[in-house]
Amino acid sequence: MTTVPVPAPARAEILRDVRAILAEQMGVAPSAEIDEETRFFADLGLASIDAVVLGEALQQHYGRPLPFNELMAEIGRRTDRDLAIGELVKFIQTHLK
């Protein structure tokens, strides 16, 4: 039996998923709508442990492991160590292909 690969979700769908998980599972209720420019730490006031929780929730949602350690290592090497939601969306889309 052959399995047909499921295409990666579109960016807009992933953004909706991230928003839903932030709101429903993490209790994030920002004053403005979360978009791709929203920053994880500066705008949403989240901590690094929240990034771990979000990563686990996203892996559960998509039913597969995602290499969040690579993303966190990349952010750790930058001067600006905040994460834009758009970066997270792109990372997820890339690894769901």
PDB file of N, CA and C in Angstrom:
ATOM      1  N   MET A   1       0.845  -1.174   0.000  1.00  0.00           N
ATOM      2  CA  MET A   1       0.000   0.000   0.000  1.00  0.00           C
ATOM      3  C   MET A   1       0.889   1.236   0.000  1.00  0.00           C
ATOM      4  N   THR A   2       0.641   2.143  -0.916  1.00  0.00           N
ATOM      5  CA  THR A   2       1.407   3.385  -0.973  1.00  0.00           C
ATOM      6  C   THR A   2       0.631   4.487  -0.280  1.00  0.00           C
ATOM      7  N   THR A   3       1.383   5.360   0.364  1.00  0.00           N
ATOM      8  CA  THR A   3       0.754   6.503   1.006  1.00  0.00           C
ATOM      9  C   THR A   3       0.990   7.723   0.143  1.00  0.00           C
ATOM     10  N   VAL A   4      -0.009   8.549   0.095  1.00  0.00           N
ATOM     11  CA  VAL A   4       0.084   9.784  -0.666  1.00  0.00           C
ATOM     12  C   VAL A   4       0.560  10.868   0.282  1.00  0.00           C
ATOM     13  N   PRO A   5       1.645  11.575  -0.046  1.00  0.00           N
ATOM     14  CA  PRO A   5       2.130  12.631   0.847  1.00  0.00           C
ATOM     15  C   PRO A   5       1.104  13.757   0.959  1.00  0.00           C
ATOM     16  N   VAL A   6       0.962  14.234   2.150  1.00  0.00           N
ATOM     17  CA  VAL A   6       0.061  15.355   2.403  1.00  0.00           C
ATOM     18  C   VAL A   6       0.849  16.640   2.207  1.00  0.00           C
ATOM     19  N   PRO A   7       0.332  17.564   1.396  1.00  0.00           N
ATOM     20  CA  PRO A   7       1.088  18.802   1.183  1.00  0.00           C
ATOM     21  C   PRO A   7       1.176  19.629   2.472  1.00  0.00           C
ATOM     22  N   ALA A   8       2.243  20.374   2.579  1.00  0.00           N
ATOM     23  CA  ALA A   8       2.418  21.255   3.738  1.00  0.00           C
ATOM     24  C   ALA A   8       1.299  22.294   3.742  1.00  0.00           C
ATOM     25  N   PRO A   9       0.805  22.640   4.912  1.00  0.00           N
ATOM     26  CA  PRO A   9      -0.233  23.670   4.978  1.00  0.00           C
ATOM     27  C   PRO A   9       0.302  25.021   4.484  1.00  0.00           C
ATOM     28  N   ALA A  10      -0.595  25.843   4.006  1.00  0.00           N
ATOM     29  CA  ALA A  10      -0.238  27.193   3.564  1.00  0.00           C
ATOM     30  C   ALA A  10       0.132  28.042   4.777  1.00  0.00           C
ATOM     31  N   ARG A  11       0.890  29.102   4.520  1.00  0.00           N
ATOM     32  CA  ARG A  11       1.315  30.008   5.607  1.00  0.00           C
ATOM     33  C   ARG A  11       0.134  30.517   6.414  1.00  0.00           C
ATOM     34  N   ALA A  12      -0.945  30.886   5.726  1.00  0.00           N
ATOM     35  CA  ALA A  12      -2.120  31.433   6.427  1.00  0.00           C
ATOM     36  C   ALA A  12      -2.724  30.394   7.369  1.00  0.00           C
ATOM     37  N   GLU A  13      -2.736  29.146   6.948  1.00  0.00           N
ATOM     38  CA  GLU A  13      -3.273  28.075   7.790  1.00  0.00           C
ATOM     39  C   GLU A  13      -2.384  27.848   9.011  1.00  0.00           C
ATOM     40  N   ILE A  14      -1.082  27.855   8.800  1.00  0.00           N
ATOM     41  CA  ILE A  14      -0.155  27.689   9.927  1.00  0.00           C
ATOM     42  C   ILE A  14      -0.288  28.853  10.895  1.00  0.00           C
ATOM     43  N   LEU A  15      -0.409  30.074  10.379  1.00  0.00           N
ATOM     44  CA  LEU A  15      -0.590  31.243  11.245  1.00  0.00           C
ATOM     45  C   LEU A  15      -1.859  31.095  12.085  1.00  0.00           C
ATOM     46  N   ARG A  16      -2.947  30.624  11.468  1.00  0.00           N
ATOM     47  CA  ARG A  16      -4.191  30.392  12.227  1.00  0.00           C
ATOM     48  C   ARG A  16      -3.962  29.350  13.322  1.00  0.00           C
ATOM     49  N   ASP A  17      -3.230  28.285  12.984  1.00  0.00           N
ATOM     50  CA  ASP A  17      -2.947  27.245  13.973  1.00  0.00           C
ATOM     51  C   ASP A  17      -2.140  27.807  15.141  1.00  0.00           C
ATOM     52  N   VAL A  18      -1.102  28.594  14.841  1.00  0.00           N
ATOM     53  CA  VAL A  18      -0.271  29.191  15.893  1.00  0.00           C
ATOM     54  C   VAL A  18      -1.119  30.108  16.774  1.00  0.00           C
ATOM     55  N   ARG A  19      -1.940  30.948  16.155  1.00  0.00           N
ATOM     56  CA  ARG A  19      -2.822  31.839  16.938  1.00  0.00           C
ATOM     57  C   ARG A  19      -3.739  31.034  17.855  1.00  0.00           C
ATOM     58  N   ALA A  20      -4.347  29.985  17.309  1.00  0.00           N
ATOM     59  CA  ALA A  20      -5.282  29.174  18.092  1.00  0.00           C
ATOM     60  C   ALA A  20      -4.581  28.519  19.269  1.00  0.00           C
ATOM     61  N   ILE A  21      -3.402  27.957  19.045  1.00  0.00           N
ATOM     62  CA  ILE A  21      -2.669  27.307  20.131  1.00  0.00           C
ATOM     63  C   ILE A  21      -2.253  28.325  21.181  1.00  0.00           C
ATOM     64  N   LEU A  22      -1.780  29.487  20.742  1.00  0.00           N
ATOM     65  CA  LEU A  22      -1.408  30.533  21.702  1.00  0.00           C
ATOM     66  C   LEU A  22      -2.609  30.935  22.557  1.00  0.00           C
ATOM     67  N   ALA A  23      -3.765  31.084  21.945  1.00  0.00           N
ATOM     68  CA  ALA A  23      -4.958  31.518  22.679  1.00  0.00           C
ATOM     69  C   ALA A  23      -5.547  30.404  23.532  1.00  0.00           C
ATOM     70  N   GLU A  24      -5.772  29.243  22.922  1.00  0.00           N
ATOM     71  CA  GLU A  24      -6.511  28.177  23.595  1.00  0.00           C
ATOM     72  C   GLU A  24      -5.682  27.377  24.585  1.00  0.00           C
ATOM     73  N   GLN A  25      -4.440  27.111  24.267  1.00  0.00           N
ATOM     74  CA  GLN A  25      -3.631  26.266  25.141  1.00  0.00           C
ATOM     75  C   GLN A  25      -2.694  27.049  26.049  1.00  0.00           C
ATOM     76  N   MET A  26      -2.355  28.288  25.631  1.00  0.00           N
ATOM     77  CA  MET A  26      -1.390  29.047  26.414  1.00  0.00           C
ATOM     78  C   MET A  26      -1.988  30.301  27.045  1.00  0.00           C
ATOM     79  N   GLY A  27      -3.260  30.564  26.757  1.00  0.00           N
ATOM     80  CA  GLY A  27      -3.945  31.695  27.370  1.00  0.00           C
ATOM     81  C   GLY A  27      -3.453  33.061  26.927  1.00  0.00           C
ATOM     82  N   VAL A  28      -2.840  33.148  25.743  1.00  0.00           N
ATOM     83  CA  VAL A  28      -2.342  34.429  25.241  1.00  0.00           C
ATOM     84  C   VAL A  28      -3.502  35.218  24.665  1.00  0.00           C
ATOM     85  N   ALA A  29      -3.722  36.394  25.211  1.00  0.00           N
ATOM     86  CA  ALA A  29      -4.783  37.281  24.736  1.00  0.00           C
ATOM     87  C   ALA A  29      -4.169  38.659  24.484  1.00  0.00           C
ATOM     88  N   PRO A  30      -3.478  38.834  23.352  1.00  0.00           N
ATOM     89  CA  PRO A  30      -2.821  40.115  23.088  1.00  0.00           C
ATOM     90  C   PRO A  30      -3.830  41.226  22.825  1.00  0.00           C
ATOM     91  N   SER A  31      -3.394  42.457  23.025  1.00  0.00           N
ATOM     92  CA  SER A  31      -4.272  43.598  22.787  1.00  0.00           C
ATOM     93  C   SER A  31      -4.485  43.837  21.294  1.00  0.00           C
ATOM     94  N   ALA A  32      -3.546  43.407  20.471  1.00  0.00           N
ATOM     95  CA  ALA A  32      -3.673  43.533  19.012  1.00  0.00           C
ATOM     96  C   ALA A  32      -3.645  42.129  18.408  1.00  0.00           C
ATOM     97  N   GLU A  33      -4.131  42.004  17.180  1.00  0.00           N
ATOM     98  CA  GLU A  33      -4.135  40.708  16.513  1.00  0.00           C
ATOM     99  C   GLU A  33      -2.707  40.230  16.276  1.00  0.00           C
ATOM    100  N   ILE A  34      -2.509  38.943  16.442  1.00  0.00           N
ATOM    101  CA  ILE A  34      -1.201  38.344  16.184  1.00  0.00           C
ATOM    102  C   ILE A  34      -1.052  38.177  14.684  1.00  0.00           C
ATOM    103  N   ASP A  35       0.028  38.769  14.144  1.00  0.00           N
ATOM    104  CA  ASP A  35       0.318  38.610  12.716  1.00  0.00           C
ATOM    105  C   ASP A  35       1.766  38.150  12.573  1.00  0.00           C
ATOM    106  N   GLU A  36       2.262  38.098  11.345  1.00  0.00           N
ATOM    107  CA  GLU A  36       3.615  37.583  11.124  1.00  0.00           C
ATOM    108  C   GLU A  36       4.698  38.493  11.689  1.00  0.00           C
ATOM    109  N   GLU A  37       4.390  39.746  11.950  1.00  0.00           N
ATOM    110  CA  GLU A  37       5.368  40.680  12.514  1.00  0.00           C
ATOM    111  C   GLU A  37       5.401  40.657  14.041  1.00  0.00           C
ATOM    112  N   THR A  38       4.398  40.067  14.662  1.00  0.00           N
ATOM    113  CA  THR A  38       4.325  40.005  16.123  1.00  0.00           C
ATOM    114  C   THR A  38       5.537  39.249  16.659  1.00  0.00           C
ATOM    115  N   ARG A  39       6.158  39.812  17.681  1.00  0.00           N
ATOM    116  CA  ARG A  39       7.341  39.178  18.279  1.00  0.00           C
ATOM    117  C   ARG A  39       6.940  38.395  19.533  1.00  0.00           C
ATOM    118  N   PHE A  40       7.505  37.219  19.625  1.00  0.00           N
ATOM    119  CA  PHE A  40       7.153  36.267  20.670  1.00  0.00           C
ATOM    120  C   PHE A  40       7.403  36.820  22.069  1.00  0.00           C
ATOM    121  N   PHE A  41       8.578  37.372  22.277  1.00  0.00           N
ATOM    122  CA  PHE A  41       8.944  37.843  23.614  1.00  0.00           C
ATOM    123  C   PHE A  41       8.538  39.293  23.851  1.00  0.00           C
ATOM    124  N   ALA A  42       8.926  40.197  22.957  1.00  0.00           N
ATOM    125  CA  ALA A  42       8.685  41.628  23.169  1.00  0.00           C
ATOM    126  C   ALA A  42       7.198  41.992  23.083  1.00  0.00           C
ATOM    127  N   ASP A  43       6.489  41.452  22.095  1.00  0.00           N
ATOM    128  CA  ASP A  43       5.081  41.841  21.909  1.00  0.00           C
ATOM    129  C   ASP A  43       4.113  41.011  22.737  1.00  0.00           C
ATOM    130  N   LEU A  44       4.384  39.714  22.848  1.00  0.00           N
ATOM    131  CA  LEU A  44       3.462  38.841  23.571  1.00  0.00           C
ATOM    132  C   LEU A  44       3.851  38.644  25.035  1.00  0.00           C
ATOM    133  N   GLY A  45       5.077  39.059  25.390  1.00  0.00           N
ATOM    134  CA  GLY A  45       5.516  38.959  26.779  1.00  0.00           C
ATOM    135  C   GLY A  45       5.747  37.532  27.251  1.00  0.00           C
ATOM    136  N   LEU A  46       6.045  36.641  26.322  1.00  0.00           N
ATOM    137  CA  LEU A  46       6.258  35.250  26.691  1.00  0.00           C
ATOM    138  C   LEU A  46       7.717  35.006  27.075  1.00  0.00           C
ATOM    139  N   ALA A  47       7.958  33.909  27.750  1.00  0.00           N
ATOM    140  CA  ALA A  47       9.307  33.535  28.196  1.00  0.00           C
ATOM    141  C   ALA A  47       9.797  32.329  27.409  1.00  0.00           C
ATOM    142  N   SER A  48      11.053  31.994  27.570  1.00  0.00           N
ATOM    143  CA  SER A  48      11.629  30.878  26.810  1.00  0.00           C
ATOM    144  C   SER A  48      10.920  29.560  27.108  1.00  0.00           C
ATOM    145  N   ILE A  49      10.456  29.364  28.336  1.00  0.00           N
ATOM    146  CA  ILE A  49       9.717  28.135  28.645  1.00  0.00           C
ATOM    147  C   ILE A  49       8.429  28.076  27.825  1.00  0.00           C
ATOM    148  N   ASP A  50       7.841  29.236  27.532  1.00  0.00           N
ATOM    149  CA  ASP A  50       6.640  29.266  26.694  1.00  0.00           C
ATOM    150  C   ASP A  50       6.946  28.806  25.276  1.00  0.00           C
ATOM    151  N   ALA A  51       8.155  29.087  24.803  1.00  0.00           N
ATOM    152  CA  ALA A  51       8.563  28.623  23.472  1.00  0.00           C
ATOM    153  C   ALA A  51       8.617  27.100  23.447  1.00  0.00           C
ATOM    154  N   VAL A  52       9.083  26.503  24.535  1.00  0.00           N
ATOM    155  CA  VAL A  52       9.133  25.043  24.637  1.00  0.00           C
ATOM    156  C   VAL A  52       7.718  24.473  24.625  1.00  0.00           C
ATOM    157  N   VAL A  53       6.835  25.067  25.414  1.00  0.00           N
ATOM    158  CA  VAL A  53       5.442  24.613  25.489  1.00  0.00           C
ATOM    159  C   VAL A  53       4.766  24.744  24.125  1.00  0.00           C
ATOM    160  N   LEU A  54       4.982  25.867  23.456  1.00  0.00           N
ATOM    161  CA  LEU A  54       4.399  26.073  22.131  1.00  0.00           C
ATOM    162  C   LEU A  54       4.944  25.045  21.146  1.00  0.00           C
ATOM    163  N   GLY A  55       6.249  24.794  21.189  1.00  0.00           N
ATOM    164  CA  GLY A  55       6.854  23.800  20.305  1.00  0.00           C
ATOM    165  C   GLY A  55       6.228  22.429  20.499  1.00  0.00           C
ATOM    166  N   GLU A  56       6.039  22.033  21.739  1.00  0.00           N
ATOM    167  CA  GLU A  56       5.411  20.737  22.017  1.00  0.00           C
ATOM    168  C   GLU A  56       3.975  20.697  21.521  1.00  0.00           C
ATOM    169  N   ALA A  57       3.241  21.786  21.724  1.00  0.00           N
ATOM    170  CA  ALA A  57       1.848  21.842  21.273  1.00  0.00           C
ATOM    171  C   ALA A  57       1.758  21.779  19.752  1.00  0.00           C
ATOM    172  N   LEU A  58       2.670  22.445  19.067  1.00  0.00           N
ATOM    173  CA  LEU A  58       2.673  22.418  17.601  1.00  0.00           C
ATOM    174  C   LEU A  58       3.021  21.031  17.075  1.00  0.00           C
ATOM    175  N   GLN A  59       3.971  20.364  17.699  1.00  0.00           N
ATOM    176  CA  GLN A  59       4.322  19.009  17.286  1.00  0.00           C
ATOM    177  C   GLN A  59       3.137  18.063  17.479  1.00  0.00           C
ATOM    178  N   GLN A  60       2.439  18.231  18.574  1.00  0.00           N
ATOM    179  CA  GLN A  60       1.257  17.408  18.824  1.00  0.00           C
ATOM    180  C   GLN A  60       0.171  17.725  17.792  1.00  0.00           C
ATOM    181  N   HIS A  61      -0.026  19.005  17.513  1.00  0.00           N
ATOM    182  CA  HIS A  61      -1.049  19.424  16.550  1.00  0.00           C
ATOM    183  C   HIS A  61      -0.788  18.833  15.163  1.00  0.00           C
ATOM    184  N   TYR A  62       0.454  18.883  14.720  1.00  0.00           N
ATOM    185  CA  TYR A  62       0.802  18.397  13.384  1.00  0.00           C
ATOM    186  C   TYR A  62       1.143  16.905  13.353  1.00  0.00           C
ATOM    187  N   GLY A  63       1.244  16.293  14.515  1.00  0.00           N
ATOM    188  CA  GLY A  63       1.468  14.857  14.583  1.00  0.00           C
ATOM    189  C   GLY A  63       2.831  14.392  14.114  1.00  0.00           C
ATOM    190  N   ARG A  64       3.819  15.249  14.285  1.00  0.00           N
ATOM    191  CA  ARG A  64       5.186  14.868  13.901  1.00  0.00           C
ATOM    192  C   ARG A  64       6.182  15.737  14.646  1.00  0.00           C
ATOM    193  N   PRO A  65       7.397  15.200  14.840  1.00  0.00           N
ATOM    194  CA  PRO A  65       8.436  16.003  15.496  1.00  0.00           C
ATOM    195  C   PRO A  65       8.946  17.098  14.552  1.00  0.00           C
ATOM    196  N   LEU A  66       9.249  18.221  15.125  1.00  0.00           N
ATOM    197  CA  LEU A  66       9.835  19.348  14.388  1.00  0.00           C
ATOM    198  C   LEU A  66      11.113  19.761  15.116  1.00  0.00           C
ATOM    199  N   PRO A  67      12.175  20.096  14.399  1.00  0.00           N
ATOM    200  CA  PRO A  67      13.468  20.382  15.042  1.00  0.00           C
ATOM    201  C   PRO A  67      13.546  21.793  15.653  1.00  0.00           C
ATOM    202  N   PHE A  68      12.735  22.019  16.688  1.00  0.00           N
ATOM    203  CA  PHE A  68      12.717  23.338  17.326  1.00  0.00           C
ATOM    204  C   PHE A  68      14.059  23.689  17.947  1.00  0.00           C
ATOM    205  N   ASN A  69      14.843  22.678  18.321  1.00  0.00           N
ATOM    206  CA  ASN A  69      16.167  22.967  18.878  1.00  0.00           C
ATOM    207  C   ASN A  69      17.029  23.708  17.861  1.00  0.00           C
ATOM    208  N   GLU A  70      16.876  23.392  16.573  1.00  0.00           N
ATOM    209  CA  GLU A  70      17.627  24.105  15.528  1.00  0.00           C
ATOM    210  C   GLU A  70      17.200  25.570  15.452  1.00  0.00           C
ATOM    211  N   LEU A  71      15.896  25.800  15.525  1.00  0.00           N
ATOM    212  CA  LEU A  71      15.376  27.175  15.483  1.00  0.00           C
ATOM    213  C   LEU A  71      15.880  27.971  16.684  1.00  0.00           C
ATOM    214  N   MET A  72      15.815  27.370  17.868  1.00  0.00           N
ATOM    215  CA  MET A  72      16.255  28.070  19.076  1.00  0.00           C
ATOM    216  C   MET A  72      17.756  28.338  19.042  1.00  0.00           C
ATOM    217  N   ALA A  73      18.533  27.407  18.491  1.00  0.00           N
ATOM    218  CA  ALA A  73      19.982  27.619  18.366  1.00  0.00           C
ATOM    219  C   ALA A  73      20.271  28.775  17.418  1.00  0.00           C
ATOM    220  N   GLU A  74      19.526  28.844  16.322  1.00  0.00           N
ATOM    221  CA  GLU A  74      19.707  29.947  15.370  1.00  0.00           C
ATOM    222  C   GLU A  74      19.392  31.287  16.026  1.00  0.00           C
ATOM    223  N   ILE A  75      18.315  31.338  16.777  1.00  0.00           N
ATOM    224  CA  ILE A  75      17.944  32.584  17.463  1.00  0.00           C
ATOM    225  C   ILE A  75      19.011  32.961  18.495  1.00  0.00           C
ATOM    226  N   GLY A  76      19.571  31.964  19.168  1.00  0.00           N
ATOM    227  CA  GLY A  76      20.605  32.217  20.163  1.00  0.00           C
ATOM    228  C   GLY A  76      21.875  32.821  19.591  1.00  0.00           C
ATOM    229  N   ARG A  77      22.112  32.622  18.298  1.00  0.00           N
ATOM    230  CA  ARG A  77      23.311  33.172  17.657  1.00  0.00           C
ATOM    231  C   ARG A  77      23.101  34.605  17.151  1.00  0.00           C
ATOM    232  N   ARG A  78      21.891  35.092  17.207  1.00  0.00           N
ATOM    233  CA  ARG A  78      21.605  36.429  16.677  1.00  0.00           C
ATOM    234  C   ARG A  78      21.754  37.496  17.750  1.00  0.00           C
ATOM    235  N   THR A  79      21.914  38.734  17.294  1.00  0.00           N
ATOM    236  CA  THR A  79      21.931  39.863  18.219  1.00  0.00           C
ATOM    237  C   THR A  79      20.541  40.076  18.804  1.00  0.00           C
ATOM    238  N   ASP A  80      19.525  40.102  17.937  1.00  0.00           N
ATOM    239  CA  ASP A  80      18.129  40.217  18.376  1.00  0.00           C
ATOM    240  C   ASP A  80      17.615  38.803  18.590  1.00  0.00           C
ATOM    241  N   ARG A  81      17.428  38.434  19.810  1.00  0.00           N
ATOM    242  CA  ARG A  81      17.059  37.054  20.127  1.00  0.00           C
ATOM    243  C   ARG A  81      15.562  36.840  20.248  1.00  0.00           C
ATOM    244  N   ASP A  82      14.780  37.740  19.689  1.00  0.00           N
ATOM    245  CA  ASP A  82      13.327  37.573  19.685  1.00  0.00           C
ATOM    246  C   ASP A  82      12.930  36.811  18.426  1.00  0.00           C
ATOM    247  N   LEU A  83      11.751  36.243  18.439  1.00  0.00           N
ATOM    248  CA  LEU A  83      11.261  35.439  17.335  1.00  0.00           C
ATOM    249  C   LEU A  83       9.982  36.051  16.794  1.00  0.00           C
ATOM    250  N   ALA A  84       9.992  36.435  15.531  1.00  0.00           N
ATOM    251  CA  ALA A  84       8.771  36.924  14.889  1.00  0.00           C
ATOM    252  C   ALA A  84       7.889  35.723  14.567  1.00  0.00           C
ATOM    253  N   ILE A  85       6.605  35.878  14.717  1.00  0.00           N
ATOM    254  CA  ILE A  85       5.674  34.794  14.424  1.00  0.00           C
ATOM    255  C   ILE A  85       5.835  34.335  12.975  1.00  0.00           C
ATOM    256  N   GLY A  86       6.120  35.249  12.068  1.00  0.00           N
ATOM    257  CA  GLY A  86       6.347  34.886  10.669  1.00  0.00           C
ATOM    258  C   GLY A  86       7.523  33.941  10.501  1.00  0.00           C
ATOM    259  N   GLU A  87       8.572  34.132  11.315  1.00  0.00           N
ATOM    260  CA  GLU A  87       9.720  33.211  11.275  1.00  0.00           C
ATOM    261  C   GLU A  87       9.300  31.812  11.711  1.00  0.00           C
ATOM    262  N   LEU A  88       8.465  31.762  12.742  1.00  0.00           N
ATOM    263  CA  LEU A  88       7.977  30.483  13.242  1.00  0.00           C
ATOM    264  C   LEU A  88       7.113  29.804  12.186  1.00  0.00           C
ATOM    265  N   VAL A  89       6.245  30.562  11.547  1.00  0.00           N
ATOM    266  CA  VAL A  89       5.381  30.027  10.496  1.00  0.00           C
ATOM    267  C   VAL A  89       6.225  29.451   9.355  1.00  0.00           C
ATOM    268  N   LYS A  90       7.219  30.201   8.915  1.00  0.00           N
ATOM    269  CA  LYS A  90       8.104  29.741   7.831  1.00  0.00           C
ATOM    270  C   LYS A  90       8.839  28.467   8.237  1.00  0.00           C
ATOM    271  N   PHE A  91       9.346  28.428   9.458  1.00  0.00           N
ATOM    272  CA  PHE A  91      10.051  27.260   9.976  1.00  0.00           C
ATOM    273  C   PHE A  91       9.137  26.037   9.950  1.00  0.00           C
ATOM    274  N   ILE A  92       7.916  26.197  10.433  1.00  0.00           N
ATOM    275  CA  ILE A  92       6.969  25.079  10.465  1.00  0.00           C
ATOM    276  C   ILE A  92       6.662  24.617   9.049  1.00  0.00           C
ATOM    277  N   GLN A  93       6.374  25.546   8.162  1.00  0.00           N
ATOM    278  CA  GLN A  93       6.046  25.184   6.787  1.00  0.00           C
ATOM    279  C   GLN A  93       7.194  24.434   6.121  1.00  0.00           C
ATOM    280  N   THR A  94       8.402  24.891   6.339  1.00  0.00           N
ATOM    281  CA  THR A  94       9.578  24.248   5.755  1.00  0.00           C
ATOM    282  C   THR A  94       9.723  22.808   6.242  1.00  0.00           C
ATOM    283  N   HIS A  95       9.461  22.579   7.521  1.00  0.00           N
ATOM    284  CA  HIS A  95       9.672  21.246   8.079  1.00  0.00           C
ATOM    285  C   HIS A  95       8.462  20.338   7.962  1.00  0.00           C
ATOM    286  N   LEU A  96       7.361  20.842   7.448  1.00  0.00           N
ATOM    287  CA  LEU A  96       6.205  19.985   7.195  1.00  0.00           C
ATOM    288  C   LEU A  96       6.164  19.490   5.759  1.00  0.00           C
ATOM    289  N   LYS A  97       7.112  19.940   4.945  1.00  0.00           N
ATOM    290  CA  LYS A  97       7.138  19.531   3.531  1.00  0.00           C
ATOM    291  C   LYS A  97       7.542  18.091   3.384  1.00  0.00           C
TER     292      LYS A  97
END
